[in-house]
Amino acid sequence: MNMLLLTGVVGALALGYAAVASGKIGAFKVDHARVNELSGIIQGGAMAFLYREYKALVPFVIVVGALLAWKINPQSAVCFVCGAVCSALT
């Protein structure tokens, strides 16, 4: 089987599973007010952490991307930056 086709099929299956799992998690409702309050606090803290982490990572990605473009080739830099962006989006 062609490796590119296999990769696409496995990726599509993974996205399908993620959609089903996300739907199940999103449908789960908690009726306890304190649990909802705590989950909101945890989510706020997690988002604050991610904001500060990405704020520190952006200069690193720029510097490493520039070094890759200069020392190796621009295609490597583009791949590196694309990988960093995809990682951040997850």
PDB file of N, CA and C in Angstrom:
ATOM      1  N   MET A   1       0.848  -1.179   0.000  1.00  0.00           N
ATOM      2  CA  MET A   1       0.000   0.000   0.000  1.00  0.00           C
ATOM      3  C   MET A   1       0.893   1.242   0.000  1.00  0.00           C
ATOM      4  N   ASN A   2       0.492   2.220  -0.725  1.00  0.00           N
ATOM      5  CA  ASN A   2       1.253   3.456  -0.802  1.00  0.00           C
ATOM      6  C   ASN A   2       1.308   4.111   0.582  1.00  0.00           C
ATOM      7  N   MET A   3       2.522   4.506   1.009  1.00  0.00           N
ATOM      8  CA  MET A   3       2.700   5.078   2.343  1.00  0.00           C
ATOM      9  C   MET A   3       1.929   6.378   2.513  1.00  0.00           C
ATOM     10  N   LEU A   4       1.853   7.189   1.472  1.00  0.00           N
ATOM     11  CA  LEU A   4       1.134   8.450   1.557  1.00  0.00           C
ATOM     12  C   LEU A   4      -0.360   8.202   1.762  1.00  0.00           C
ATOM     13  N   LEU A   5      -0.900   7.229   1.073  1.00  0.00           N
ATOM     14  CA  LEU A   5      -2.311   6.881   1.233  1.00  0.00           C
ATOM     15  C   LEU A   5      -2.568   6.348   2.638  1.00  0.00           C
ATOM     16  N   LEU A   6      -1.688   5.483   3.103  1.00  0.00           N
ATOM     17  CA  LEU A   6      -1.828   4.930   4.448  1.00  0.00           C
ATOM     18  C   LEU A   6      -1.796   6.039   5.498  1.00  0.00           C
ATOM     19  N   THR A   7      -0.896   6.984   5.333  1.00  0.00           N
ATOM     20  CA  THR A   7      -0.803   8.103   6.264  1.00  0.00           C
ATOM     21  C   THR A   7      -2.092   8.914   6.257  1.00  0.00           C
ATOM     22  N   GLY A   8      -2.645   9.173   5.080  1.00  0.00           N
ATOM     23  CA  GLY A   8      -3.899   9.919   4.985  1.00  0.00           C
ATOM     24  C   GLY A   8      -5.063   9.191   5.633  1.00  0.00           C
ATOM     25  N   VAL A   9      -5.140   7.882   5.417  1.00  0.00           N
ATOM     26  CA  VAL A   9      -6.231   7.091   5.999  1.00  0.00           C
ATOM     27  C   VAL A   9      -6.122   7.079   7.520  1.00  0.00           C
ATOM     28  N   VAL A  10      -4.927   6.858   8.035  1.00  0.00           N
ATOM     29  CA  VAL A  10      -4.736   6.835   9.491  1.00  0.00           C
ATOM     30  C   VAL A  10      -5.039   8.215  10.078  1.00  0.00           C
ATOM     31  N   GLY A  11      -4.621   9.276   9.402  1.00  0.00           N
ATOM     32  CA  GLY A  11      -4.930  10.627   9.866  1.00  0.00           C
ATOM     33  C   GLY A  11      -6.426  10.894   9.901  1.00  0.00           C
ATOM     34  N   ALA A  12      -7.137  10.466   8.867  1.00  0.00           N
ATOM     35  CA  ALA A  12      -8.588  10.645   8.817  1.00  0.00           C
ATOM     36  C   ALA A  12      -9.277   9.852   9.930  1.00  0.00           C
ATOM     37  N   LEU A  13      -8.812   8.637  10.175  1.00  0.00           N
ATOM     38  CA  LEU A  13      -9.367   7.839  11.272  1.00  0.00           C
ATOM     39  C   LEU A  13      -9.123   8.511  12.623  1.00  0.00           C
ATOM     40  N   ALA A  14      -7.930   9.073  12.797  1.00  0.00           N
ATOM     41  CA  ALA A  14      -7.613   9.761  14.053  1.00  0.00           C
ATOM     42  C   ALA A  14      -8.497  10.989  14.241  1.00  0.00           C
ATOM     43  N   LEU A  15      -8.724  11.746  13.172  1.00  0.00           N
ATOM     44  CA  LEU A  15      -9.617  12.907  13.264  1.00  0.00           C
ATOM     45  C   LEU A  15     -11.044  12.491  13.570  1.00  0.00           C
ATOM     46  N   GLY A  16     -11.484  11.397  12.973  1.00  0.00           N
ATOM     47  CA  GLY A  16     -12.815  10.885  13.265  1.00  0.00           C
ATOM     48  C   GLY A  16     -12.966  10.481  14.723  1.00  0.00           C
ATOM     49  N   TYR A  17     -11.970   9.784  15.240  1.00  0.00           N
ATOM     50  CA  TYR A  17     -11.998   9.387  16.649  1.00  0.00           C
ATOM     51  C   TYR A  17     -11.997  10.609  17.556  1.00  0.00           C
ATOM     52  N   ALA A  18     -11.181  11.617  17.210  1.00  0.00           N
ATOM     53  CA  ALA A  18     -11.124  12.838  18.018  1.00  0.00           C
ATOM     54  C   ALA A  18     -12.470  13.541  18.021  1.00  0.00           C
ATOM     55  N   ALA A  19     -13.156  13.556  16.890  1.00  0.00           N
ATOM     56  CA  ALA A  19     -14.470  14.194  16.817  1.00  0.00           C
ATOM     57  C   ALA A  19     -15.489  13.457  17.690  1.00  0.00           C
ATOM     58  N   VAL A  20     -15.479  12.134  17.637  1.00  0.00           N
ATOM     59  CA  VAL A  20     -16.411  11.344  18.448  1.00  0.00           C
ATOM     60  C   VAL A  20     -16.120  11.534  19.933  1.00  0.00           C
ATOM     61  N   ALA A  21     -14.839  11.466  20.313  1.00  0.00           N
ATOM     62  CA  ALA A  21     -14.465  11.628  21.715  1.00  0.00           C
ATOM     63  C   ALA A  21     -14.811  13.027  22.211  1.00  0.00           C
ATOM     64  N   SER A  22     -14.574  14.044  21.384  1.00  0.00           N
ATOM     65  CA  SER A  22     -14.898  15.418  21.762  1.00  0.00           C
ATOM     66  C   SER A  22     -16.397  15.592  21.945  1.00  0.00           C
ATOM     67  N   GLY A  23     -17.169  14.974  21.084  1.00  0.00           N
ATOM     68  CA  GLY A  23     -18.620  15.040  21.214  1.00  0.00           C
ATOM     69  C   GLY A  23     -19.111  14.410  22.502  1.00  0.00           C
ATOM     70  N   LYS A  24     -18.542  13.271  22.871  1.00  0.00           N
ATOM     71  CA  LYS A  24     -18.937  12.607  24.118  1.00  0.00           C
ATOM     72  C   LYS A  24     -18.567  13.445  25.336  1.00  0.00           C
ATOM     73  N   ILE A  25     -17.377  14.027  25.302  1.00  0.00           N
ATOM     74  CA  ILE A  25     -16.938  14.850  26.429  1.00  0.00           C
ATOM     75  C   ILE A  25     -17.787  16.120  26.515  1.00  0.00           C
ATOM     76  N   GLY A  26     -18.080  16.723  25.373  1.00  0.00           N
ATOM     77  CA  GLY A  26     -18.901  17.930  25.357  1.00  0.00           C
ATOM     78  C   GLY A  26     -20.327  17.692  25.816  1.00  0.00           C
ATOM     79  N   ALA A  27     -20.828  16.498  25.614  1.00  0.00           N
ATOM     80  CA  ALA A  27     -22.201  16.168  26.006  1.00  0.00           C
ATOM     81  C   ALA A  27     -22.320  15.862  27.496  1.00  0.00           C
ATOM     82  N   PHE A  28     -21.198  15.640  28.167  1.00  0.00           N
ATOM     83  CA  PHE A  28     -21.211  15.303  29.587  1.00  0.00           C
ATOM     84  C   PHE A  28     -21.528  16.550  30.400  1.00  0.00           C
ATOM     85  N   LYS A  29     -22.589  16.508  31.171  1.00  0.00           N
ATOM     86  CA  LYS A  29     -23.011  17.653  31.974  1.00  0.00           C
ATOM     87  C   LYS A  29     -22.871  17.341  33.456  1.00  0.00           C
ATOM     88  N   VAL A  30     -22.371  18.334  34.184  1.00  0.00           N
ATOM     89  CA  VAL A  30     -22.242  18.217  35.636  1.00  0.00           C
ATOM     90  C   VAL A  30     -23.204  19.221  36.251  1.00  0.00           C
ATOM     91  N   ASP A  31     -24.030  18.772  37.179  1.00  0.00           N
ATOM     92  CA  ASP A  31     -25.042  19.635  37.774  1.00  0.00           C
ATOM     93  C   ASP A  31     -24.604  20.244  39.103  1.00  0.00           C
ATOM     94  N   HIS A  32     -23.416  19.917  39.552  1.00  0.00           N
ATOM     95  CA  HIS A  32     -22.925  20.434  40.826  1.00  0.00           C
ATOM     96  C   HIS A  32     -22.230  21.772  40.599  1.00  0.00           C
ATOM     97  N   ALA A  33     -22.700  22.808  41.262  1.00  0.00           N
ATOM     98  CA  ALA A  33     -22.189  24.166  41.030  1.00  0.00           C
ATOM     99  C   ALA A  33     -20.711  24.294  41.404  1.00  0.00           C
ATOM    100  N   ARG A  34     -20.294  23.661  42.476  1.00  0.00           N
ATOM    101  CA  ARG A  34     -18.902  23.777  42.928  1.00  0.00           C
ATOM    102  C   ARG A  34     -17.950  23.130  41.917  1.00  0.00           C
ATOM    103  N   VAL A  35     -18.341  22.019  41.342  1.00  0.00           N
ATOM    104  CA  VAL A  35     -17.505  21.351  40.340  1.00  0.00           C
ATOM    105  C   VAL A  35     -17.364  22.252  39.114  1.00  0.00           C
ATOM    106  N   ASN A  36     -18.457  22.869  38.687  1.00  0.00           N
ATOM    107  CA  ASN A  36     -18.394  23.790  37.551  1.00  0.00           C
ATOM    108  C   ASN A  36     -17.515  24.996  37.865  1.00  0.00           C
ATOM    109  N   GLU A  37     -17.606  25.508  39.081  1.00  0.00           N
ATOM    110  CA  GLU A  37     -16.769  26.642  39.487  1.00  0.00           C
ATOM    111  C   GLU A  37     -15.294  26.264  39.465  1.00  0.00           C
ATOM    112  N   LEU A  38     -14.965  25.109  40.005  1.00  0.00           N
ATOM    113  CA  LEU A  38     -13.573  24.660  40.035  1.00  0.00           C
ATOM    114  C   LEU A  38     -13.042  24.390  38.633  1.00  0.00           C
ATOM    115  N   SER A  39     -13.868  23.829  37.768  1.00  0.00           N
ATOM    116  CA  SER A  39     -13.397  23.572  36.410  1.00  0.00           C
ATOM    117  C   SER A  39     -13.135  24.878  35.679  1.00  0.00           C
ATOM    118  N   GLY A  40     -13.929  25.909  35.942  1.00  0.00           N
ATOM    119  CA  GLY A  40     -13.677  27.220  35.354  1.00  0.00           C
ATOM    120  C   GLY A  40     -12.370  27.827  35.849  1.00  0.00           C
ATOM    121  N   ILE A  41     -12.083  27.659  37.134  1.00  0.00           N
ATOM    122  CA  ILE A  41     -10.825  28.165  37.704  1.00  0.00           C
ATOM    123  C   ILE A  41      -9.638  27.432  37.083  1.00  0.00           C
ATOM    124  N   ILE A  42      -9.747  26.119  36.952  1.00  0.00           N
ATOM    125  CA  ILE A  42      -8.667  25.322  36.357  1.00  0.00           C
ATOM    126  C   ILE A  42      -8.458  25.725  34.907  1.00  0.00           C
ATOM    127  N   GLN A  43      -9.539  25.907  34.158  1.00  0.00           N
ATOM    128  CA  GLN A  43      -9.422  26.306  32.756  1.00  0.00           C
ATOM    129  C   GLN A  43      -8.773  27.684  32.634  1.00  0.00           C
ATOM    130  N   GLY A  44      -9.128  28.596  33.494  1.00  0.00           N
ATOM    131  CA  GLY A  44      -8.516  29.927  33.473  1.00  0.00           C
ATOM    132  C   GLY A  44      -7.022  29.867  33.753  1.00  0.00           C
ATOM    133  N   GLY A  45      -6.638  29.052  34.727  1.00  0.00           N
ATOM    134  CA  GLY A  45      -5.220  28.891  35.038  1.00  0.00           C
ATOM    135  C   GLY A  45      -4.450  28.248  33.903  1.00  0.00           C
ATOM    136  N   ALA A  46      -5.056  27.268  33.264  1.00  0.00           N
ATOM    137  CA  ALA A  46      -4.396  26.596  32.136  1.00  0.00           C
ATOM    138  C   ALA A  46      -4.200  27.563  30.975  1.00  0.00           C
ATOM    139  N   MET A  47      -5.205  28.376  30.692  1.00  0.00           N
ATOM    140  CA  MET A  47      -5.084  29.338  29.598  1.00  0.00           C
ATOM    141  C   MET A  47      -4.042  30.406  29.908  1.00  0.00           C
ATOM    142  N   ALA A  48      -3.958  30.841  31.159  1.00  0.00           N
ATOM    143  CA  ALA A  48      -2.936  31.817  31.547  1.00  0.00           C
ATOM    144  C   ALA A  48      -1.543  31.210  31.378  1.00  0.00           C
ATOM    145  N   PHE A  49      -1.381  29.950  31.766  1.00  0.00           N
ATOM    146  CA  PHE A  49      -0.104  29.267  31.598  1.00  0.00           C
ATOM    147  C   PHE A  49       0.274  29.163  30.125  1.00  0.00           C
ATOM    148  N   LEU A  50      -0.666  28.745  29.278  1.00  0.00           N
ATOM    149  CA  LEU A  50      -0.376  28.615  27.854  1.00  0.00           C
ATOM    150  C   LEU A  50      -0.028  29.958  27.223  1.00  0.00           C
ATOM    151  N   TYR A  51      -0.712  31.022  27.627  1.00  0.00           N
ATOM    152  CA  TYR A  51      -0.410  32.351  27.101  1.00  0.00           C
ATOM    153  C   TYR A  51       1.038  32.739  27.420  1.00  0.00           C
ATOM    154  N   ARG A  52       1.451  32.539  28.659  1.00  0.00           N
ATOM    155  CA  ARG A  52       2.824  32.895  29.044  1.00  0.00           C
ATOM    156  C   ARG A  52       3.841  31.988  28.367  1.00  0.00           C
ATOM    157  N   GLU A  53       3.509  30.719  28.217  1.00  0.00           N
ATOM    158  CA  GLU A  53       4.431  29.786  27.561  1.00  0.00           C
ATOM    159  C   GLU A  53       4.640  30.171  26.099  1.00  0.00           C
ATOM    160  N   TYR A  54       3.561  30.445  25.398  1.00  0.00           N
ATOM    161  CA  TYR A  54       3.690  30.803  23.983  1.00  0.00           C
ATOM    162  C   TYR A  54       4.352  32.156  23.808  1.00  0.00           C
ATOM    163  N   LYS A  55       4.142  33.058  24.769  1.00  0.00           N
ATOM    164  CA  LYS A  55       4.794  34.363  24.727  1.00  0.00           C
ATOM    165  C   LYS A  55       6.314  34.195  24.818  1.00  0.00           C
ATOM    166  N   ALA A  56       6.777  33.194  25.559  1.00  0.00           N
ATOM    167  CA  ALA A  56       8.213  32.921  25.669  1.00  0.00           C
ATOM    168  C   ALA A  56       8.720  32.111  24.474  1.00  0.00           C
ATOM    169  N   LEU A  57       7.875  31.276  23.888  1.00  0.00           N
ATOM    170  CA  LEU A  57       8.311  30.413  22.794  1.00  0.00           C
ATOM    171  C   LEU A  57       8.407  31.121  21.447  1.00  0.00           C
ATOM    172  N   VAL A  58       7.636  32.165  21.243  1.00  0.00           N
ATOM    173  CA  VAL A  58       7.640  32.855  19.946  1.00  0.00           C
ATOM    174  C   VAL A  58       9.041  33.362  19.581  1.00  0.00           C
ATOM    175  N   PRO A  59       9.745  34.067  20.479  1.00  0.00           N
ATOM    176  CA  PRO A  59      11.102  34.500  20.108  1.00  0.00           C
ATOM    177  C   PRO A  59      12.039  33.321  19.822  1.00  0.00           C
ATOM    178  N   PHE A  60      11.892  32.238  20.571  1.00  0.00           N
ATOM    179  CA  PHE A  60      12.723  31.047  20.350  1.00  0.00           C
ATOM    180  C   PHE A  60      12.486  30.480  18.958  1.00  0.00           C
ATOM    181  N   VAL A  61      11.223  30.351  18.566  1.00  0.00           N
ATOM    182  CA  VAL A  61      10.890  29.805  17.247  1.00  0.00           C
ATOM    183  C   VAL A  61      11.431  30.717  16.150  1.00  0.00           C
ATOM    184  N   ILE A  62      11.328  32.019  16.349  1.00  0.00           N
ATOM    185  CA  ILE A  62      11.845  32.957  15.350  1.00  0.00           C
ATOM    186  C   ILE A  62      13.355  32.822  15.204  1.00  0.00           C
ATOM    187  N   VAL A  63      14.064  32.772  16.322  1.00  0.00           N
ATOM    188  CA  VAL A  63      15.538  32.675  16.280  1.00  0.00           C
ATOM    189  C   VAL A  63      15.966  31.349  15.664  1.00  0.00           C
ATOM    190  N   VAL A  64      15.384  30.252  16.107  1.00  0.00           N
ATOM    191  CA  VAL A  64      15.768  28.945  15.564  1.00  0.00           C
ATOM    192  C   VAL A  64      15.384  28.842  14.089  1.00  0.00           C
ATOM    193  N   GLY A  65      14.241  29.371  13.725  1.00  0.00           N
ATOM    194  CA  GLY A  65      13.847  29.367  12.315  1.00  0.00           C
ATOM    195  C   GLY A  65      14.825  30.155  11.457  1.00  0.00           C
ATOM    196  N   ALA A  66      15.257  31.310  11.963  1.00  0.00           N
ATOM    197  CA  ALA A  66      16.239  32.112  11.220  1.00  0.00           C
ATOM    198  C   ALA A  66      17.567  31.387  11.099  1.00  0.00           C
ATOM    199  N   LEU A  67      18.002  30.745  12.176  1.00  0.00           N
ATOM    200  CA  LEU A  67      19.257  29.979  12.126  1.00  0.00           C
ATOM    201  C   LEU A  67      19.161  28.806  11.158  1.00  0.00           C
ATOM    202  N   LEU A  68      18.039  28.126  11.148  1.00  0.00           N
ATOM    203  CA  LEU A  68      17.857  27.024  10.208  1.00  0.00           C
ATOM    204  C   LEU A  68      17.892  27.521   8.767  1.00  0.00           C
ATOM    205  N   ALA A  69      17.235  28.648   8.511  1.00  0.00           N
ATOM    206  CA  ALA A  69      17.227  29.204   7.153  1.00  0.00           C
ATOM    207  C   ALA A  69      18.632  29.614   6.724  1.00  0.00           C
ATOM    208  N   TRP A  70      19.396  30.145   7.657  1.00  0.00           N
ATOM    209  CA  TRP A  70      20.735  30.638   7.345  1.00  0.00           C
ATOM    210  C   TRP A  70      21.742  29.501   7.197  1.00  0.00           C
ATOM    211  N   LYS A  71      21.717  28.551   8.145  1.00  0.00           N
ATOM    212  CA  LYS A  71      22.741  27.500   8.183  1.00  0.00           C
ATOM    213  C   LYS A  71      22.383  26.265   7.354  1.00  0.00           C
ATOM    214  N   ILE A  72      21.119  25.939   7.239  1.00  0.00           N
ATOM    215  CA  ILE A  72      20.747  24.719   6.517  1.00  0.00           C
ATOM    216  C   ILE A  72      20.073  25.089   5.201  1.00  0.00           C
ATOM    217  N   ASN A  73      18.785  25.419   5.244  1.00  0.00           N
ATOM    218  CA  ASN A  73      18.084  25.920   4.057  1.00  0.00           C
ATOM    219  C   ASN A  73      16.716  26.453   4.475  1.00  0.00           C
ATOM    220  N   PRO A  74      16.119  27.314   3.658  1.00  0.00           N
ATOM    221  CA  PRO A  74      14.829  27.908   4.018  1.00  0.00           C
ATOM    222  C   PRO A  74      13.706  26.881   4.180  1.00  0.00           C
ATOM    223  N   GLN A  75      13.759  25.780   3.422  1.00  0.00           N
ATOM    224  CA  GLN A  75      12.701  24.772   3.545  1.00  0.00           C
ATOM    225  C   GLN A  75      12.676  24.171   4.954  1.00  0.00           C
ATOM    226  N   SER A  76      13.855  23.948   5.532  1.00  0.00           N
ATOM    227  CA  SER A  76      13.909  23.419   6.900  1.00  0.00           C
ATOM    228  C   SER A  76      13.312  24.412   7.888  1.00  0.00           C
ATOM    229  N   ALA A  77      13.586  25.683   7.671  1.00  0.00           N
ATOM    230  CA  ALA A  77      13.031  26.710   8.554  1.00  0.00           C
ATOM    231  C   ALA A  77      11.514  26.752   8.457  1.00  0.00           C
ATOM    232  N   VAL A  78      10.996  26.665   7.240  1.00  0.00           N
ATOM    233  CA  VAL A  78       9.543  26.680   7.052  1.00  0.00           C
ATOM    234  C   VAL A  78       8.916  25.461   7.732  1.00  0.00           C
ATOM    235  N   CYS A  79       9.515  24.307   7.573  1.00  0.00           N
ATOM    236  CA  CYS A  79       8.997  23.093   8.217  1.00  0.00           C
ATOM    237  C   CYS A  79       9.023  23.226   9.737  1.00  0.00           C
ATOM    238  N   PHE A  80      10.096  23.788  10.277  1.00  0.00           N
ATOM    239  CA  PHE A  80      10.209  23.973  11.713  1.00  0.00           C
ATOM    240  C   PHE A  80       9.115  24.907  12.231  1.00  0.00           C
ATOM    241  N   VAL A  81       8.946  26.046  11.563  1.00  0.00           N
ATOM    242  CA  VAL A  81       7.939  27.020  11.996  1.00  0.00           C
ATOM    243  C   VAL A  81       6.539  26.430  11.839  1.00  0.00           C
ATOM    244  N   CYS A  82       6.271  25.736  10.761  1.00  0.00           N
ATOM    245  CA  CYS A  82       4.962  25.095  10.575  1.00  0.00           C
ATOM    246  C   CYS A  82       4.698  24.063  11.681  1.00  0.00           C
ATOM    247  N   GLY A  83       5.707  23.309  12.037  1.00  0.00           N
ATOM    248  CA  GLY A  83       5.566  22.335  13.124  1.00  0.00           C
ATOM    249  C   GLY A  83       5.272  23.015  14.458  1.00  0.00           C
ATOM    250  N   ALA A  84       5.954  24.138  14.710  1.00  0.00           N
ATOM    251  CA  ALA A  84       5.717  24.876  15.951  1.00  0.00           C
ATOM    252  C   ALA A  84       4.301  25.441  15.984  1.00  0.00           C
ATOM    253  N   VAL A  85       3.831  25.956  14.858  1.00  0.00           N
ATOM    254  CA  VAL A  85       2.471  26.503  14.788  1.00  0.00           C
ATOM    255  C   VAL A  85       1.446  25.390  14.975  1.00  0.00           C
ATOM    256  N   CYS A  86       1.650  24.256  14.322  1.00  0.00           N
ATOM    257  CA  CYS A  86       0.716  23.126  14.490  1.00  0.00           C
ATOM    258  C   CYS A  86       0.706  22.632  15.924  1.00  0.00           C
ATOM    259  N   SER A  87       1.860  22.595  16.548  1.00  0.00           N
ATOM    260  CA  SER A  87       1.941  22.186  17.949  1.00  0.00           C
ATOM    261  C   SER A  87       1.168  23.157  18.830  1.00  0.00           C
ATOM    262  N   ALA A  88       1.304  24.450  18.566  1.00  0.00           N
ATOM    263  CA  ALA A  88       0.585  25.442  19.364  1.00  0.00           C
ATOM    264  C   ALA A  88      -0.922  25.339  19.155  1.00  0.00           C
ATOM    265  N   LEU A  89      -1.343  25.034  17.943  1.00  0.00           N
ATOM    266  CA  LEU A  89      -2.767  24.922  17.663  1.00  0.00           C
ATOM    267  C   LEU A  89      -3.419  23.728  18.353  1.00  0.00           C
ATOM    268  N   THR A  90      -2.627  22.689  18.642  1.00  0.00           N
ATOM    269  CA  THR A  90      -3.215  21.544  19.320  1.00  0.00           C
ATOM    270  C   THR A  90      -3.521  21.901  20.748  1.00  0.00           C
TER     271      THR A  90
END
